[in-house]
N, C-alpha and C. Protein backbone atom coordinates (compact mmCIF):
# COMPACT_ATOMS: atom_id res chain seq x y z
N MET A 1 -20.33 8.60 -87.94
CA MET A 1 -21.37 7.64 -87.68
C MET A 1 -20.78 6.28 -87.34
N ALA A 2 -19.74 5.88 -88.02
CA ALA A 2 -19.08 4.61 -87.71
C ALA A 2 -18.47 4.67 -86.32
N ASP A 3 -17.96 5.84 -85.95
CA ASP A 3 -17.40 6.00 -84.61
C ASP A 3 -18.47 5.86 -83.54
N GLU A 4 -19.68 6.37 -83.86
CA GLU A 4 -20.79 6.27 -82.92
C GLU A 4 -21.17 4.81 -82.68
N ASN A 5 -21.25 4.05 -83.75
CA ASN A 5 -21.58 2.63 -83.64
C ASN A 5 -20.52 1.88 -82.85
N ASP A 6 -19.28 2.23 -83.11
CA ASP A 6 -18.17 1.59 -82.41
C ASP A 6 -18.21 1.90 -80.92
N THR A 7 -18.51 3.15 -80.60
CA THR A 7 -18.61 3.56 -79.21
C THR A 7 -19.76 2.85 -78.51
N ASN A 8 -20.89 2.78 -79.18
CA ASN A 8 -22.06 2.08 -78.61
C ASN A 8 -21.75 0.61 -78.39
N ALA A 9 -21.07 0.00 -79.33
CA ALA A 9 -20.71 -1.41 -79.20
C ALA A 9 -19.76 -1.62 -78.02
N ARG A 10 -18.79 -0.73 -77.85
CA ARG A 10 -17.87 -0.84 -76.72
C ARG A 10 -18.59 -0.67 -75.39
N GLN A 11 -19.52 0.29 -75.35
CA GLN A 11 -20.28 0.51 -74.12
C GLN A 11 -21.16 -0.69 -73.79
N ALA A 12 -21.77 -1.27 -74.81
CA ALA A 12 -22.61 -2.45 -74.61
C ALA A 12 -21.76 -3.62 -74.11
N ARG A 13 -20.58 -3.77 -74.70
CA ARG A 13 -19.68 -4.83 -74.29
C ARG A 13 -19.22 -4.64 -72.85
N ALA A 14 -18.89 -3.39 -72.48
CA ALA A 14 -18.44 -3.09 -71.12
C ALA A 14 -19.57 -3.34 -70.13
N SER A 15 -20.77 -2.97 -70.49
CA SER A 15 -21.92 -3.19 -69.63
C SER A 15 -22.15 -4.69 -69.41
N ARG A 16 -22.05 -5.45 -70.48
CA ARG A 16 -22.22 -6.91 -70.40
C ARG A 16 -21.13 -7.52 -69.53
N ASP A 17 -19.90 -7.08 -69.72
CA ASP A 17 -18.78 -7.59 -68.92
C ASP A 17 -18.99 -7.29 -67.44
N ASP A 18 -19.47 -6.10 -67.13
CA ASP A 18 -19.72 -5.74 -65.73
C ASP A 18 -20.81 -6.63 -65.13
N ARG A 19 -21.87 -6.88 -65.89
CA ARG A 19 -22.95 -7.76 -65.40
C ARG A 19 -22.42 -9.17 -65.15
N LEU A 20 -21.61 -9.68 -66.08
CA LEU A 20 -21.06 -11.02 -65.92
C LEU A 20 -20.12 -11.10 -64.72
N LYS A 21 -19.28 -10.09 -64.53
CA LYS A 21 -18.38 -10.06 -63.38
C LYS A 21 -19.18 -10.11 -62.08
N SER A 22 -20.22 -9.31 -62.04
CA SER A 22 -21.06 -9.25 -60.84
C SER A 22 -21.74 -10.60 -60.59
N ALA A 23 -22.28 -11.20 -61.63
CA ALA A 23 -22.96 -12.49 -61.49
C ALA A 23 -21.98 -13.57 -61.05
N LEU A 24 -20.78 -13.57 -61.63
CA LEU A 24 -19.78 -14.57 -61.25
C LEU A 24 -19.33 -14.38 -59.81
N ARG A 25 -19.17 -13.13 -59.38
CA ARG A 25 -18.77 -12.84 -58.02
C ARG A 25 -19.83 -13.34 -57.02
N GLU A 26 -21.11 -13.07 -57.32
CA GLU A 26 -22.20 -13.53 -56.45
C GLU A 26 -22.28 -15.05 -56.44
N ASN A 27 -22.08 -15.68 -57.59
CA ASN A 27 -22.10 -17.13 -57.67
C ASN A 27 -20.99 -17.74 -56.82
N LEU A 28 -19.81 -17.14 -56.89
CA LEU A 28 -18.68 -17.64 -56.11
C LEU A 28 -18.97 -17.50 -54.61
N LYS A 29 -19.52 -16.37 -54.20
CA LYS A 29 -19.87 -16.17 -52.79
C LYS A 29 -20.87 -17.22 -52.33
N ARG A 30 -21.87 -17.48 -53.17
CA ARG A 30 -22.90 -18.47 -52.81
C ARG A 30 -22.30 -19.87 -52.68
N ARG A 31 -21.43 -20.24 -53.64
CA ARG A 31 -20.81 -21.57 -53.59
C ARG A 31 -19.90 -21.71 -52.38
N LYS A 32 -19.17 -20.66 -52.03
CA LYS A 32 -18.30 -20.72 -50.85
C LYS A 32 -19.13 -20.86 -49.59
N ALA A 33 -20.25 -20.15 -49.51
CA ALA A 33 -21.13 -20.26 -48.35
C ALA A 33 -21.69 -21.67 -48.24
N GLN A 34 -22.07 -22.26 -49.37
CA GLN A 34 -22.58 -23.62 -49.36
C GLN A 34 -21.51 -24.60 -48.91
N ALA A 35 -20.29 -24.43 -49.38
CA ALA A 35 -19.20 -25.32 -49.00
C ALA A 35 -18.90 -25.20 -47.50
N ARG A 36 -18.91 -23.96 -46.99
CA ARG A 36 -18.68 -23.77 -45.55
C ARG A 36 -19.78 -24.43 -44.74
N ALA A 37 -21.03 -24.31 -45.19
CA ALA A 37 -22.15 -24.92 -44.48
C ALA A 37 -22.03 -26.44 -44.49
N ARG A 38 -21.64 -26.99 -45.64
CA ARG A 38 -21.47 -28.46 -45.72
C ARG A 38 -20.35 -28.93 -44.80
N ALA A 39 -19.26 -28.19 -44.75
CA ALA A 39 -18.13 -28.57 -43.92
C ALA A 39 -18.49 -28.44 -42.43
N ALA A 40 -19.28 -27.43 -42.09
CA ALA A 40 -19.65 -27.21 -40.69
C ALA A 40 -20.62 -28.28 -40.20
N SER A 41 -21.42 -28.80 -41.09
CA SER A 41 -22.40 -29.82 -40.67
C SER A 41 -21.95 -31.18 -41.18
N ALA A 42 -20.76 -31.59 -40.80
CA ALA A 42 -20.25 -32.90 -41.21
C ALA A 42 -21.23 -33.97 -40.73
N ASP A 43 -21.49 -34.93 -41.57
CA ASP A 43 -22.47 -35.97 -41.28
C ASP A 43 -21.97 -36.89 -40.18
N PRO A 44 -22.58 -36.86 -38.99
CA PRO A 44 -22.11 -37.70 -37.89
C PRO A 44 -22.37 -39.19 -38.11
N SER A 45 -23.27 -39.55 -39.03
CA SER A 45 -23.54 -40.96 -39.27
C SER A 45 -22.48 -41.59 -40.16
N GLN A 46 -21.63 -40.78 -40.76
CA GLN A 46 -20.55 -41.29 -41.60
C GLN A 46 -19.47 -41.89 -40.70
N VAL A 47 -19.10 -43.14 -40.93
CA VAL A 47 -18.08 -43.80 -40.11
C VAL A 47 -16.84 -44.07 -40.93
N ASP A 48 -15.79 -44.55 -40.28
CA ASP A 48 -14.49 -44.71 -40.93
C ASP A 48 -14.52 -45.60 -42.16
N ASP A 49 -15.33 -46.65 -42.15
CA ASP A 49 -15.31 -47.56 -43.30
C ASP A 49 -16.20 -47.09 -44.45
N GLY A 50 -16.81 -45.91 -44.30
CA GLY A 50 -17.61 -45.36 -45.37
C GLY A 50 -19.07 -45.77 -45.34
N SER A 51 -19.45 -46.63 -44.40
CA SER A 51 -20.82 -47.07 -44.31
C SER A 51 -21.68 -45.96 -43.71
N LEU A 52 -22.86 -45.77 -44.25
CA LEU A 52 -23.77 -44.78 -43.69
C LEU A 52 -24.65 -45.37 -42.60
N ASP A 53 -24.69 -46.67 -42.47
CA ASP A 53 -25.52 -47.34 -41.48
C ASP A 53 -24.68 -47.62 -40.25
N GLU A 54 -24.95 -46.90 -39.14
CA GLU A 54 -24.15 -47.06 -37.93
C GLU A 54 -24.26 -48.46 -37.35
N GLY A 55 -25.41 -49.10 -37.52
CA GLY A 55 -25.63 -50.41 -36.92
C GLY A 55 -24.80 -51.51 -37.55
N THR A 56 -24.41 -51.37 -38.80
CA THR A 56 -23.68 -52.44 -39.47
C THR A 56 -22.27 -52.05 -39.85
N ALA A 57 -21.81 -50.91 -39.40
CA ALA A 57 -20.47 -50.45 -39.76
C ALA A 57 -19.42 -51.42 -39.26
N GLY A 58 -18.61 -51.91 -40.16
CA GLY A 58 -17.51 -52.79 -39.80
C GLY A 58 -17.91 -54.23 -39.52
N GLN A 59 -19.18 -54.57 -39.65
CA GLN A 59 -19.64 -55.93 -39.38
C GLN A 59 -19.79 -56.69 -40.69
N ASP A 60 -19.85 -58.02 -40.57
CA ASP A 60 -20.09 -58.84 -41.75
C ASP A 60 -21.53 -58.67 -42.19
N ARG A 61 -21.75 -58.73 -43.48
CA ARG A 61 -23.10 -58.61 -44.03
C ARG A 61 -23.38 -59.85 -44.87
N LEU A 62 -24.65 -60.07 -45.14
CA LEU A 62 -25.03 -61.19 -45.99
C LEU A 62 -25.34 -60.66 -47.38
N ASP A 63 -24.86 -61.38 -48.40
CA ASP A 63 -25.21 -60.96 -49.75
C ASP A 63 -26.56 -61.56 -50.12
N LYS A 64 -26.97 -61.44 -51.35
CA LYS A 64 -28.30 -61.90 -51.78
C LYS A 64 -28.49 -63.40 -51.60
N THR A 65 -27.43 -64.17 -51.69
CA THR A 65 -27.54 -65.61 -51.57
C THR A 65 -27.48 -66.08 -50.12
N GLY A 66 -27.22 -65.16 -49.19
CA GLY A 66 -27.15 -65.54 -47.79
C GLY A 66 -25.74 -65.81 -47.31
N ASP A 67 -24.75 -65.74 -48.21
CA ASP A 67 -23.37 -65.96 -47.81
C ASP A 67 -22.84 -64.70 -47.13
N ARG A 68 -21.91 -64.90 -46.21
CA ARG A 68 -21.32 -63.75 -45.51
C ARG A 68 -20.46 -62.96 -46.48
N LYS A 69 -20.57 -61.66 -46.37
CA LYS A 69 -19.79 -60.77 -47.20
C LYS A 69 -19.11 -59.79 -46.22
N THR A 70 -17.80 -59.77 -46.24
CA THR A 70 -17.10 -58.89 -45.32
C THR A 70 -17.11 -57.48 -45.86
N SER A 71 -17.13 -56.53 -44.94
CA SER A 71 -17.12 -55.12 -45.36
C SER A 71 -15.70 -54.75 -45.77
N GLY A 72 -15.64 -53.77 -46.68
CA GLY A 72 -14.34 -53.26 -47.08
C GLY A 72 -13.97 -53.49 -48.45
């Protein structure tokens, strides 16, 4: 009887491990697909200085007080 319980516990553990392996494998596939999609659709509005606004990229800006604030 103790052997039966031990066998059942091992089978349950193996079944759980298989489910986790499968879930992790699918999760990895999904994350890789998302990363490939993000890399393929690089944001064209992103410019060299890191500004997302194409109109003001690399230009001087005004801070809250109205003084010029250089980018960078």
